[in-house]
C-alpha atoms as a PDB file:
ATOM      1  CA  UNK A   1      -9.608 -18.554  27.429  1.00  0.00           C
ATOM      2  CA  UNK A   2      -9.069 -16.374  30.487  1.00  0.00           C
ATOM      3  CA  UNK A   3      -5.297 -16.492  30.096  1.00  0.00           C
ATOM      4  CA  UNK A   4      -5.491 -15.429  26.449  1.00  0.00           C
ATOM      5  CA  UNK A   5      -7.844 -12.562  27.318  1.00  0.00           C
ATOM      6  CA  UNK A   6      -5.492 -11.416  30.053  1.00  0.00           C
ATOM      7  CA  UNK A   7      -2.498 -11.458  27.690  1.00  0.00           C
ATOM      8  CA  UNK A   8      -4.514  -9.516  25.117  1.00  0.00           C
ATOM      9  CA  UNK A   9      -5.461  -6.891  27.713  1.00  0.00           C
ATOM     10  CA  UNK A  10      -1.814  -6.550  28.758  1.00  0.00           C
ATOM     11  CA  UNK A  11      -0.737  -6.030  25.157  1.00  0.00           C
ATOM     12  CA  UNK A  12      -3.441  -3.496  24.339  1.00  0.00           C
ATOM     13  CA  UNK A  13      -2.749  -1.553  27.540  1.00  0.00           C
ATOM     14  CA  UNK A  14       1.006  -1.497  26.880  1.00  0.00           C
ATOM     15  CA  UNK A  15       0.590  -0.195  23.343  1.00  0.00           C
ATOM     16  CA  UNK A  16      -2.376   2.080  23.776  1.00  0.00           C
ATOM     17  CA  UNK A  17      -1.426   3.562  27.111  1.00  0.00           C
ATOM     18  CA  UNK A  18       1.106   6.011  25.650  1.00  0.00           C
ATOM     19  CA  UNK A  19       4.011   7.327  27.688  1.00  0.00           C
ATOM     20  CA  UNK A  20       7.487   5.905  27.726  1.00  0.00           C
ATOM     21  CA  UNK A  21       6.262   2.356  27.213  1.00  0.00           C
ATOM     22  CA  UNK A  22       4.837   3.090  23.796  1.00  0.00           C
ATOM     23  CA  UNK A  23       6.962   1.353  21.205  1.00  0.00           C
ATOM     24  CA  UNK A  24       9.124  -0.357  23.839  1.00  0.00           C
ATOM     25  CA  UNK A  25       6.969  -3.405  24.521  1.00  0.00           C
ATOM     26  CA  UNK A  26       8.647  -6.820  24.559  1.00  0.00           C
ATOM     27  CA  UNK A  27       6.006  -8.621  22.544  1.00  0.00           C
ATOM     28  CA  UNK A  28       7.029 -12.157  23.408  1.00  0.00           C
ATOM     29  CA  UNK A  29       6.985 -11.428  27.132  1.00  0.00           C
ATOM     30  CA  UNK A  30       3.650  -9.621  26.965  1.00  0.00           C
ATOM     31  CA  UNK A  31       1.916 -12.098  24.691  1.00  0.00           C
ATOM     32  CA  UNK A  32       3.436 -15.233  26.156  1.00  0.00           C
ATOM     33  CA  UNK A  33       2.315 -17.220  23.115  1.00  0.00           C
ATOM     34  CA  UNK A  34       3.465 -18.428  19.739  1.00  0.00           C
ATOM     35  CA  UNK A  35       4.499 -16.298  16.789  1.00  0.00           C
ATOM     36  CA  UNK A  36       1.000 -16.345  15.245  1.00  0.00           C
ATOM     37  CA  UNK A  37      -0.618 -15.164  18.476  1.00  0.00           C
ATOM     38  CA  UNK A  38       2.027 -12.493  18.940  1.00  0.00           C
ATOM     39  CA  UNK A  39       1.400 -11.185  15.429  1.00  0.00           C
ATOM     40  CA  UNK A  40      -2.367 -11.125  15.921  1.00  0.00           C
ATOM     41  CA  UNK A  41      -1.987  -9.201  19.197  1.00  0.00           C
ATOM     42  CA  UNK A  42       0.330  -6.693  17.546  1.00  0.00           C
ATOM     43  CA  UNK A  43      -2.218  -5.967  14.834  1.00  0.00           C
ATOM     44  CA  UNK A  44      -5.116  -5.811  17.287  1.00  0.00           C
ATOM     45  CA  UNK A  45      -3.312  -3.417  19.588  1.00  0.00           C
ATOM     46  CA  UNK A  46      -2.121  -1.207  16.726  1.00  0.00           C
ATOM     47  CA  UNK A  47      -5.640  -0.821  15.355  1.00  0.00           C
ATOM     48  CA  UNK A  48      -6.808   0.338  18.794  1.00  0.00           C
ATOM     49  CA  UNK A  49      -4.532   3.388  18.679  1.00  0.00           C
ATOM     50  CA  UNK A  50      -6.560   6.607  18.161  1.00  0.00           C
ATOM     51  CA  UNK A  51      -7.720   6.997  14.581  1.00  0.00           C
ATOM     52  CA  UNK A  52      -6.210   3.734  13.345  1.00  0.00           C
ATOM     53  CA  UNK A  53      -9.517   1.992  12.615  1.00  0.00           C
ATOM     54  CA  UNK A  54     -10.089   4.246   9.591  1.00  0.00           C
ATOM     55  CA  UNK A  55      -7.864   4.765   6.566  1.00  0.00           C
ATOM     56  CA  UNK A  56      -5.832   7.944   7.036  1.00  0.00           C
ATOM     57  CA  UNK A  57      -6.314   9.070   3.434  1.00  0.00           C
ATOM     58  CA  UNK A  58      -9.980   8.339   2.759  1.00  0.00           C
ATOM     59  CA  UNK A  59     -11.584   7.731   6.195  1.00  0.00           C
ATOM     60  CA  UNK A  60     -12.919   4.340   5.115  1.00  0.00           C
ATOM     61  CA  UNK A  61     -12.906   1.427   7.636  1.00  0.00           C
ATOM     62  CA  UNK A  62      -9.776  -0.665   7.114  1.00  0.00           C
ATOM     63  CA  UNK A  63      -9.595  -3.106  10.033  1.00  0.00           C
ATOM     64  CA  UNK A  64     -10.490  -6.094   7.852  1.00  0.00           C
ATOM     65  CA  UNK A  65      -7.509  -5.594   5.537  1.00  0.00           C
ATOM     66  CA  UNK A  66      -5.197  -3.039   7.173  1.00  0.00           C
ATOM     67  CA  UNK A  67      -2.134  -1.675   5.380  1.00  0.00           C
ATOM     68  CA  UNK A  68       0.417   0.767   6.756  1.00  0.00           C
ATOM     69  CA  UNK A  69       2.755   3.516   5.630  1.00  0.00           C
ATOM     70  CA  UNK A  70       5.898   2.963   7.688  1.00  0.00           C
ATOM     71  CA  UNK A  71       7.324   6.402   6.889  1.00  0.00           C
ATOM     72  CA  UNK A  72       4.352   8.040   8.609  1.00  0.00           C
ATOM     73  CA  UNK A  73       3.286   5.341  11.071  1.00  0.00           C
ATOM     74  CA  UNK A  74      -0.244   5.454   9.658  1.00  0.00           C
ATOM     75  CA  UNK A  75      -2.859   2.832   8.832  1.00  0.00           C
ATOM     76  CA  UNK A  76      -4.439   2.943   5.372  1.00  0.00           C
ATOM     77  CA  UNK A  77      -6.776   0.840   3.250  1.00  0.00           C
ATOM     78  CA  UNK A  78      -5.900  -1.463   0.360  1.00  0.00           C
ATOM     79  CA  UNK A  79      -6.966   1.054  -2.289  1.00  0.00           C
ATOM     80  CA  UNK A  80      -4.871   3.896  -0.850  1.00  0.00           C
ATOM     81  CA  UNK A  81      -1.939   1.518  -0.339  1.00  0.00           C
ATOM     82  CA  UNK A  82      -1.847   0.989  -4.100  1.00  0.00           C
ATOM     83  CA  UNK A  83      -1.697   4.744  -4.624  1.00  0.00           C
ATOM     84  CA  UNK A  84       1.025   5.120  -1.993  1.00  0.00           C
ATOM     85  CA  UNK A  85       3.241   2.655  -3.884  1.00  0.00           C
ATOM     86  CA  UNK A  86       3.443   5.058  -6.812  1.00  0.00           C
ATOM     87  CA  UNK A  87       5.038   7.664  -4.511  1.00  0.00           C
ATOM     88  CA  UNK A  88       8.214   5.625  -4.024  1.00  0.00           C
ATOM     89  CA  UNK A  89       9.533   4.022  -0.847  1.00  0.00           C
ATOM     90  CA  UNK A  90      11.458   7.172   0.122  1.00  0.00           C
ATOM     91  CA  UNK A  91       8.077   8.875   0.551  1.00  0.00           C
ATOM     92  CA  UNK A  92       5.869   5.993   1.671  1.00  0.00           C
ATOM     93  CA  UNK A  93       7.020   2.431   2.333  1.00  0.00           C
ATOM     94  CA  UNK A  94       3.815   0.368   2.319  1.00  0.00           C
ATOM     95  CA  UNK A  95       3.219  -2.991   3.994  1.00  0.00           C
ATOM     96  CA  UNK A  96       0.230  -5.190   4.786  1.00  0.00           C
ATOM     97  CA  UNK A  97      -0.446  -6.071   8.422  1.00  0.00           C
ATOM     98  CA  UNK A  98      -1.992  -9.368   7.324  1.00  0.00           C
ATOM     99  CA  UNK A  99       0.380 -10.452   4.523  1.00  0.00           C
ATOM    100  CA  UNK A 100       3.802  -9.075   5.411  1.00  0.00           C
ATOM    101  CA  UNK A 101       6.157  -9.929   8.276  1.00  0.00           C
ATOM    102  CA  UNK A 102       7.237  -6.615   9.800  1.00  0.00           C
ATOM    103  CA  UNK A 103      10.548  -6.090  11.563  1.00  0.00           C
ATOM    104  CA  UNK A 104      10.777  -4.912  15.165  1.00  0.00           C
ATOM    105  CA  UNK A 105      11.887  -1.436  14.097  1.00  0.00           C
ATOM    106  CA  UNK A 106       8.911  -1.199  11.743  1.00  0.00           C
ATOM    107  CA  UNK A 107       6.506  -2.081  14.552  1.00  0.00           C
ATOM    108  CA  UNK A 108       8.147   0.587  16.669  1.00  0.00           C
ATOM    109  CA  UNK A 109       7.544   3.171  13.947  1.00  0.00           C
ATOM    110  CA  UNK A 110       3.859   2.233  13.884  1.00  0.00           C
ATOM    111  CA  UNK A 111       3.575   2.358  17.670  1.00  0.00           C
ATOM    112  CA  UNK A 112       5.232   5.790  17.871  1.00  0.00           C
ATOM    113  CA  UNK A 113       3.117   7.053  14.990  1.00  0.00           C
ATOM    114  CA  UNK A 114      -0.614   6.597  14.608  1.00  0.00           C
ATOM    115  CA  UNK A 115      -3.239   8.253  12.451  1.00  0.00           C
ATOM    116  CA  UNK A 116      -4.332  10.815  15.030  1.00  0.00           C
ATOM    117  CA  UNK A 117      -0.759  11.787  15.875  1.00  0.00           C
ATOM    118  CA  UNK A 118       0.004  12.582  12.215  1.00  0.00           C
ATOM    119  CA  UNK A 119      -3.270  14.456  11.881  1.00  0.00           C
ATOM    120  CA  UNK A 120      -2.691  16.578  14.998  1.00  0.00           C
ATOM    121  CA  UNK A 121       0.858  17.388  13.866  1.00  0.00           C
ATOM    122  CA  UNK A 122      -0.374  18.646  10.491  1.00  0.00           C
ATOM    123  CA  UNK A 123      -3.049  20.791  12.152  1.00  0.00           C
ATOM    124  CA  UNK A 124      -0.636  22.504  14.539  1.00  0.00           C
ATOM    125  CA  UNK A 125      -0.312  26.278  13.886  1.00  0.00           C
ATOM    126  CA  UNK A 126       3.246  25.849  12.618  1.00  0.00           C
ATOM    127  CA  UNK A 127       2.005  23.601   9.799  1.00  0.00           C
ATOM    128  CA  UNK A 128      -1.693  24.606   9.517  1.00  0.00           C
ATOM    129  CA  UNK A 129      -2.627  21.732   7.210  1.00  0.00           C
ATOM    130  CA  UNK A 130      -6.171  21.053   8.376  1.00  0.00           C
ATOM    131  CA  UNK A 131      -7.991  17.831   7.627  1.00  0.00           C
ATOM    132  CA  UNK A 132     -10.300  19.213   4.935  1.00  0.00           C
ATOM    133  CA  UNK A 133      -7.294  20.765   3.168  1.00  0.00           C
ATOM    134  CA  UNK A 134      -5.396  17.467   3.275  1.00  0.00           C
ATOM    135  CA  UNK A 135      -8.306  15.548   1.756  1.00  0.00           C
ATOM    136  CA  UNK A 136      -8.704  18.094  -1.050  1.00  0.00           C
ATOM    137  CA  UNK A 137      -5.087  17.697  -2.172  1.00  0.00           C
ATOM    138  CA  UNK A 138      -4.157  15.022  -4.758  1.00  0.00           C
ATOM    139  CA  UNK A 139      -2.419  12.040  -3.162  1.00  0.00           C
ATOM    140  CA  UNK A 140       0.985  12.887  -4.632  1.00  0.00           C
ATOM    141  CA  UNK A 141       0.765  16.516  -3.492  1.00  0.00           C
ATOM    142  CA  UNK A 142      -0.205  15.539   0.073  1.00  0.00           C
ATOM    143  CA  UNK A 143       2.956  13.617   0.749  1.00  0.00           C
ATOM    144  CA  UNK A 144       5.241  16.089  -0.998  1.00  0.00           C
ATOM    145  CA  UNK A 145       4.174  18.947   1.285  1.00  0.00           C
ATOM    146  CA  UNK A 146       6.883  20.399   3.578  1.00  0.00           C
ATOM    147  CA  UNK A 147       4.718  19.451   6.593  1.00  0.00           C
ATOM    148  CA  UNK A 148       4.568  15.763   5.634  1.00  0.00           C
ATOM    149  CA  UNK A 149       8.301  15.777   4.934  1.00  0.00           C
ATOM    150  CA  UNK A 150       9.017  17.269   8.360  1.00  0.00           C
ATOM    151  CA  UNK A 151       6.855  14.651  10.084  1.00  0.00           C
ATOM    152  CA  UNK A 152       8.727  11.842   8.306  1.00  0.00           C
ATOM    153  CA  UNK A 153      12.059  13.281   9.417  1.00  0.00           C
ATOM    154  CA  UNK A 154      10.882  13.762  13.005  1.00  0.00           C
ATOM    155  CA  UNK A 155       9.572  10.204  13.244  1.00  0.00           C
ATOM    156  CA  UNK A 156      12.843   8.865  11.833  1.00  0.00           C
ATOM    157  CA  UNK A 157      14.809  10.929  14.353  1.00  0.00           C
ATOM    158  CA  UNK A 158      12.663   9.604  17.213  1.00  0.00           C
ATOM    159  CA  UNK A 159      13.329   6.025  16.162  1.00  0.00           C
ATOM    160  CA  UNK A 160      17.050   6.768  15.958  1.00  0.00           C
ATOM    161  CA  UNK A 161      16.981   8.108  19.525  1.00  0.00           C
ATOM    162  CA  UNK A 162      17.992  11.642  18.584  1.00  0.00           C
ATOM    163  CA  UNK A 163      17.970  14.160  21.435  1.00  0.00           C
ATOM    164  CA  UNK A 164      16.762  16.957  19.145  1.00  0.00           C
ATOM    165  CA  UNK A 165      14.062  16.595  16.509  1.00  0.00           C
ATOM    166  CA  UNK A 166      14.005  18.532  13.219  1.00  0.00           C
ATOM    167  CA  UNK A 167      11.854  21.668  13.299  1.00  0.00           C
ATOM    168  CA  UNK A 168      12.549  23.417  10.003  1.00  0.00           C
ATOM    169  CA  UNK A 169      10.222  23.085   7.026  1.00  0.00           C
ATOM    170  CA  UNK A 170      11.989  22.583   3.721  1.00  0.00           C
ATOM    171  CA  UNK A 171      10.899  22.594   0.123  1.00  0.00           C
ATOM    172  CA  UNK A 172       9.944  19.248  -1.416  1.00  0.00           C
ATOM    173  CA  UNK A 173       9.764  19.102  -5.204  1.00  0.00           C
ATOM    174  CA  UNK A 174       7.154  17.003  -6.962  1.00  0.00           C
ATOM    175  CA  UNK A 175       8.461  14.431  -9.482  1.00  0.00           C
ATOM    176  CA  UNK A 176       8.869  15.999 -12.919  1.00  0.00           C
ATOM    177  CA  UNK A 177       8.107  14.672 -16.366  1.00  0.00           C
ATOM    178  CA  UNK A 178      11.806  14.737 -17.178  1.00  0.00           C
ATOM    179  CA  UNK A 179      12.683  12.427 -14.296  1.00  0.00           C
ATOM    180  CA  UNK A 180      15.841  10.534 -15.199  1.00  0.00           C
ATOM    181  CA  UNK A 181      14.903   7.542 -13.078  1.00  0.00           C
ATOM    182  CA  UNK A 182      11.598   7.174 -14.907  1.00  0.00           C
ATOM    183  CA  UNK A 183      13.312   7.241 -18.278  1.00  0.00           C
ATOM    184  CA  UNK A 184      15.947   4.708 -17.248  1.00  0.00           C
ATOM    185  CA  UNK A 185      13.439   2.251 -15.796  1.00  0.00           C
ATOM    186  CA  UNK A 186      11.073   2.523 -18.748  1.00  0.00           C
ATOM    187  CA  UNK A 187      13.923   2.077 -21.217  1.00  0.00           C
ATOM    188  CA  UNK A 188      15.049  -1.030 -19.342  1.00  0.00           C
ATOM    189  CA  UNK A 189      11.580  -2.485 -19.893  1.00  0.00           C
ATOM    190  CA  UNK A 190      11.819  -1.754 -23.601  1.00  0.00           C
ATOM    191  CA  UNK A 191       9.373   1.148 -23.578  1.00  0.00           C
ATOM    192  CA  UNK A 192       9.821   4.564 -25.122  1.00  0.00           C
ATOM    193  CA  UNK A 193       9.187   7.374 -22.673  1.00  0.00           C
ATOM    194  CA  UNK A 194       7.523  10.467 -24.000  1.00  0.00           C
ATOM    195  CA  UNK A 195       7.677  13.785 -22.216  1.00  0.00           C
ATOM    196  CA  UNK A 196       3.900  13.769 -22.056  1.00  0.00           C
ATOM    197  CA  UNK A 197       3.427  10.351 -20.491  1.00  0.00           C
ATOM    198  CA  UNK A 198       6.261  10.200 -17.951  1.00  0.00           C
ATOM    199  CA  UNK A 199       4.533  12.006 -15.110  1.00  0.00           C
ATOM    200  CA  UNK A 200       5.146   9.754 -12.092  1.00  0.00           C
ATOM    201  CA  UNK A 201       8.132   8.023 -10.590  1.00  0.00           C
ATOM    202  CA  UNK A 202       8.607   4.366 -11.479  1.00  0.00           C
ATOM    203  CA  UNK A 203       8.141   1.915  -8.584  1.00  0.00           C
ATOM    204  CA  UNK A 204      11.078   0.410  -6.767  1.00  0.00           C
ATOM    205  CA  UNK A 205      11.105  -3.351  -7.367  1.00  0.00           C
ATOM    206  CA  UNK A 206      11.486  -5.758  -4.473  1.00  0.00           C
ATOM    207  CA  UNK A 207      14.885  -7.428  -4.899  1.00  0.00           C
ATOM    208  CA  UNK A 208      14.793 -11.127  -5.768  1.00  0.00           C
ATOM    209  CA  UNK A 209      17.194 -12.033  -2.987  1.00  0.00           C
ATOM    210  CA  UNK A 210      14.874 -10.686  -0.262  1.00  0.00           C
ATOM    211  CA  UNK A 211      11.679 -12.210  -1.675  1.00  0.00           C
ATOM    212  CA  UNK A 212      11.664 -15.922  -0.892  1.00  0.00           C
ATOM    213  CA  UNK A 213       7.868 -15.937  -1.116  1.00  0.00           C
ATOM    214  CA  UNK A 214       5.182 -14.225  -3.160  1.00  0.00           C
ATOM    215  CA  UNK A 215       4.394 -10.944  -1.430  1.00  0.00           C
ATOM    216  CA  UNK A 216       0.653 -11.540  -1.844  1.00  0.00           C
ATOM    217  CA  UNK A 217      -0.219 -15.223  -1.403  1.00  0.00           C
ATOM    218  CA  UNK A 218       3.054 -16.106   0.418  1.00  0.00           C
ATOM    219  CA  UNK A 219       3.737 -19.200  -1.694  1.00  0.00           C
ATOM    220  CA  UNK A 220       7.444 -20.056  -1.726  1.00  0.00           C
ATOM    221  CA  UNK A 221       9.275 -19.476  -5.009  1.00  0.00           C
ATOM    222  CA  UNK A 222      10.961 -22.484  -6.596  1.00  0.00           C
ATOM    223  CA  UNK A 223      11.850 -23.877 -10.003  1.00  0.00           C
ATOM    224  CA  UNK A 224       8.130 -24.533 -10.412  1.00  0.00           C
ATOM    225  CA  UNK A 225       6.904 -21.197  -9.053  1.00  0.00           C
ATOM    226  CA  UNK A 226       8.703 -18.335 -10.775  1.00  0.00           C
ATOM    227  CA  UNK A 227       9.212 -14.785  -9.572  1.00  0.00           C
ATOM    228  CA  UNK A 228       7.564 -11.900 -11.402  1.00  0.00           C
ATOM    229  CA  UNK A 229       7.381  -8.182 -10.669  1.00  0.00           C
ATOM    230  CA  UNK A 230       4.336  -5.949 -10.864  1.00  0.00           C
ATOM    231  CA  UNK A 231       5.250  -3.016 -13.112  1.00  0.00           C
ATOM    232  CA  UNK A 232       2.930  -0.708 -11.189  1.00  0.00           C
ATOM    233  CA  UNK A 233       3.910  -1.331  -7.547  1.00  0.00           C
ATOM    234  CA  UNK A 234       7.159  -3.327  -7.763  1.00  0.00           C
ATOM    235  CA  UNK A 235       6.020  -6.274  -5.644  1.00  0.00           C
ATOM    236  CA  UNK A 236       7.604  -9.673  -6.259  1.00  0.00           C
ATOM    237  CA  UNK A 237       4.665 -11.957  -7.017  1.00  0.00           C
ATOM    238  CA  UNK A 238       3.829 -15.353  -8.485  1.00  0.00           C
ATOM    239  CA  UNK A 239       1.974 -15.998 -11.747  1.00  0.00           C
ATOM    240  CA  UNK A 240      -1.328 -16.635  -9.965  1.00  0.00           C
ATOM    241  CA  UNK A 241      -1.143 -13.240  -8.261  1.00  0.00           C
ATOM    242  CA  UNK A 242      -0.367 -11.442 -11.538  1.00  0.00           C
ATOM    243  CA  UNK A 243      -2.812 -13.051 -14.001  1.00  0.00           C
ATOM    244  CA  UNK A 244      -3.121 -11.815 -17.564  1.00  0.00           C
ATOM    245  CA  UNK A 245      -6.503 -10.371 -16.637  1.00  0.00           C
ATOM    246  CA  UNK A 246      -4.638  -7.754 -14.589  1.00  0.00           C
ATOM    247  CA  UNK A 247      -2.240  -6.716 -17.341  1.00  0.00           C
ATOM    248  CA  UNK A 248      -2.758  -3.149 -18.566  1.00  0.00           C
ATOM    249  CA  UNK A 249      -0.741  -0.453 -20.353  1.00  0.00           C
ATOM    250  CA  UNK A 250       1.051   2.048 -18.115  1.00  0.00           C
ATOM    251  CA  UNK A 251       1.262   5.194 -20.238  1.00  0.00           C
ATOM    252  CA  UNK A 252       2.362   7.229 -17.211  1.00  0.00           C
ATOM    253  CA  UNK A 253       5.542   5.122 -17.221  1.00  0.00           C
ATOM    254  CA  UNK A 254       5.866   5.153 -20.991  1.00  0.00           C
ATOM    255  CA  UNK A 255       4.532   1.590 -21.420  1.00  0.00           C
ATOM    256  CA  UNK A 256       1.903   1.513 -24.155  1.00  0.00           C
ATOM    257  CA  UNK A 257       1.414  -2.263 -24.350  1.00  0.00           C
ATOM    258  CA  UNK A 258      -0.253  -4.381 -21.634  1.00  0.00           C
ATOM    259  CA  UNK A 259       2.356  -5.303 -19.021  1.00  0.00           C
ATOM    260  CA  UNK A 260       2.384  -7.518 -15.942  1.00  0.00           C
ATOM    261  CA  UNK A 261       0.614  -6.075 -12.917  1.00  0.00           C
ATOM    262  CA  UNK A 262      -0.533  -7.753  -9.727  1.00  0.00           C
ATOM    263  CA  UNK A 263      -4.154  -8.367  -8.806  1.00  0.00           C
ATOM    264  CA  UNK A 264      -3.918  -5.857  -5.943  1.00  0.00           C
ATOM    265  CA  UNK A 265      -3.058  -2.964  -8.263  1.00  0.00           C
ATOM    266  CA  UNK A 266      -5.458  -4.124 -10.999  1.00  0.00           C
ATOM    267  CA  UNK A 267      -8.143  -6.577  -9.829  1.00  0.00           C
ATOM    268  CA  UNK A 268      -8.905  -8.960 -12.715  1.00  0.00           C
ATOM    269  CA  UNK A 269     -12.236  -8.627 -14.437  1.00  0.00           C
ATOM    270  CA  UNK A 270     -15.030 -10.966 -13.419  1.00  0.00           C
ATOM    271  CA  UNK A 271     -15.327 -14.224 -15.325  1.00  0.00           C
ATOM    272  CA  UNK A 272     -18.227 -14.882 -17.679  1.00  0.00           C
ATOM    273  CA  UNK A 273     -20.976 -17.480 -17.314  1.00  0.00           C
ATOM    274  CA  UNK A 274     -23.064 -18.464 -20.320  1.00  0.00           C
ATOM    275  CA  UNK A 275     -26.817 -18.065 -19.911  1.00  0.00           C
ATOM    276  CA  UNK A 276     -26.788 -14.991 -17.657  1.00  0.00           C
ATOM    277  CA  UNK A 277     -27.598 -11.514 -19.003  1.00  0.00           C
ATOM    278  CA  UNK A 278     -24.632  -9.321 -19.853  1.00  0.00           C
ATOM    279  CA  UNK A 279     -24.691  -5.977 -17.975  1.00  0.00           C
ATOM    280  CA  UNK A 280     -24.700  -3.143 -20.495  1.00  0.00           C
ATOM    281  CA  UNK A 281     -22.605  -0.987 -18.189  1.00  0.00           C
ATOM    282  CA  UNK A 282     -19.728  -3.445 -18.331  1.00  0.00           C
ATOM    283  CA  UNK A 283     -19.214  -3.270 -22.097  1.00  0.00           C
ATOM    284  CA  UNK A 284     -17.755   0.268 -22.224  1.00  0.00           C
ATOM    285  CA  UNK A 285     -15.383  -0.569 -19.371  1.00  0.00           C
ATOM    286  CA  UNK A 286     -14.309  -3.706 -21.213  1.00  0.00           C
ATOM    287  CA  UNK A 287     -13.554  -1.722 -24.328  1.00  0.00           C
ATOM    288  CA  UNK A 288     -11.615   0.897 -22.379  1.00  0.00           C
ATOM    289  CA  UNK A 289      -9.437  -1.799 -20.829  1.00  0.00           C
ATOM    290  CA  UNK A 290      -8.782  -3.466 -24.154  1.00  0.00           C
ATOM    291  CA  UNK A 291     -10.778  -6.606 -23.246  1.00  0.00           C
ATOM    292  CA  UNK A 292     -13.091  -8.006 -25.916  1.00  0.00           C
ATOM    293  CA  UNK A 293     -16.814  -8.084 -25.281  1.00  0.00           C
ATOM    294  CA  UNK A 294     -18.662 -11.452 -25.048  1.00  0.00           C
ATOM    295  CA  UNK A 295     -18.134 -13.749 -27.982  1.00  0.00           C
ATOM    296  CA  UNK A 296     -20.189 -13.014 -31.063  1.00  0.00           C
ATOM    297  CA  UNK A 297     -21.017 -16.681 -31.370  1.00  0.00           C
ATOM    298  CA  UNK A 298     -22.800 -16.635 -28.029  1.00  0.00           C
ATOM    299  CA  UNK A 299     -24.873 -13.679 -29.145  1.00  0.00           C
ATOM    300  CA  UNK A 300     -25.712 -15.379 -32.426  1.00  0.00           C
ATOM    301  CA  UNK A 301     -27.010 -18.399 -30.562  1.00  0.00           C
ATOM    302  CA  UNK A 302     -29.214 -16.172 -28.431  1.00  0.00           C
ATOM    303  CA  UNK A 303     -27.227 -16.854 -25.279  1.00  0.00           C
ATOM    304  CA  UNK A 304     -26.396 -14.015 -22.905  1.00  0.00           C
ATOM    305  CA  UNK A 305     -23.180 -13.892 -20.949  1.00  0.00           C
ATOM    306  CA  UNK A 306     -23.279 -13.061 -17.247  1.00  0.00           C
ATOM    307  CA  UNK A 307     -20.669 -11.948 -14.781  1.00  0.00           C
ATOM    308  CA  UNK A 308     -19.644 -13.060 -11.325  1.00  0.00           C
END
């Protein structure tokens, strides 16, 4: 309707126009609608900020399923969001714009940030981290650079209303194989940590008391729907969102046996349909993941097994 279009234009202008109004918008006044409409307008306006239509870390379109790194105020894709989770929430606190309910302060961080703002900051002469250099670095190294650390601290200071923003670059150490936190978490899960395999920090689990619903499908937990945690990303999820088809070993955390992981971190393999040809390229991948190939009985009967 005309009224809805007008409210949308007001919201987009308030967020995208920059200046002192950026991050200070009263969403309910501007949108004038219900909570669902307000949320949709927030997402729409955020994705219109410069550079936010493409994932910051891989330049792939991400407007259909946008995720964000709150520490940097950037928009990223689903695939890169999974990689961000391994960095730890102190480096990158990841949320979905479609699945998660963000707080007002988190929206403000996203409005003050933006993909282009982070990019331009890194490319300033004081930092000199140009785009092609950033993309060549491994994900973990990118966000442990002194420049990325400084940007996180400056954005945090802005949100806190500090009169002076940090300017000094400081050393940021990469996680080491001897990380105590990795060893403690892996031991708690009954896994032996070897010096060779413990190369990344263990994820921080979402606390049960703050997860009333599955963080993926949003179903409410109850005595019939139990809580589970993905060992890779730490999300609190239901059984349907962490099927056995997504369980894999995590040798980098010292877990050699298949353990529970959510379907975002490890999408389950396609199901089989009798009578369709079995792609030869799938068999090696099946073996590598520890999943048996199609049943021998089906082959003996001359039936192929297809995939969907």
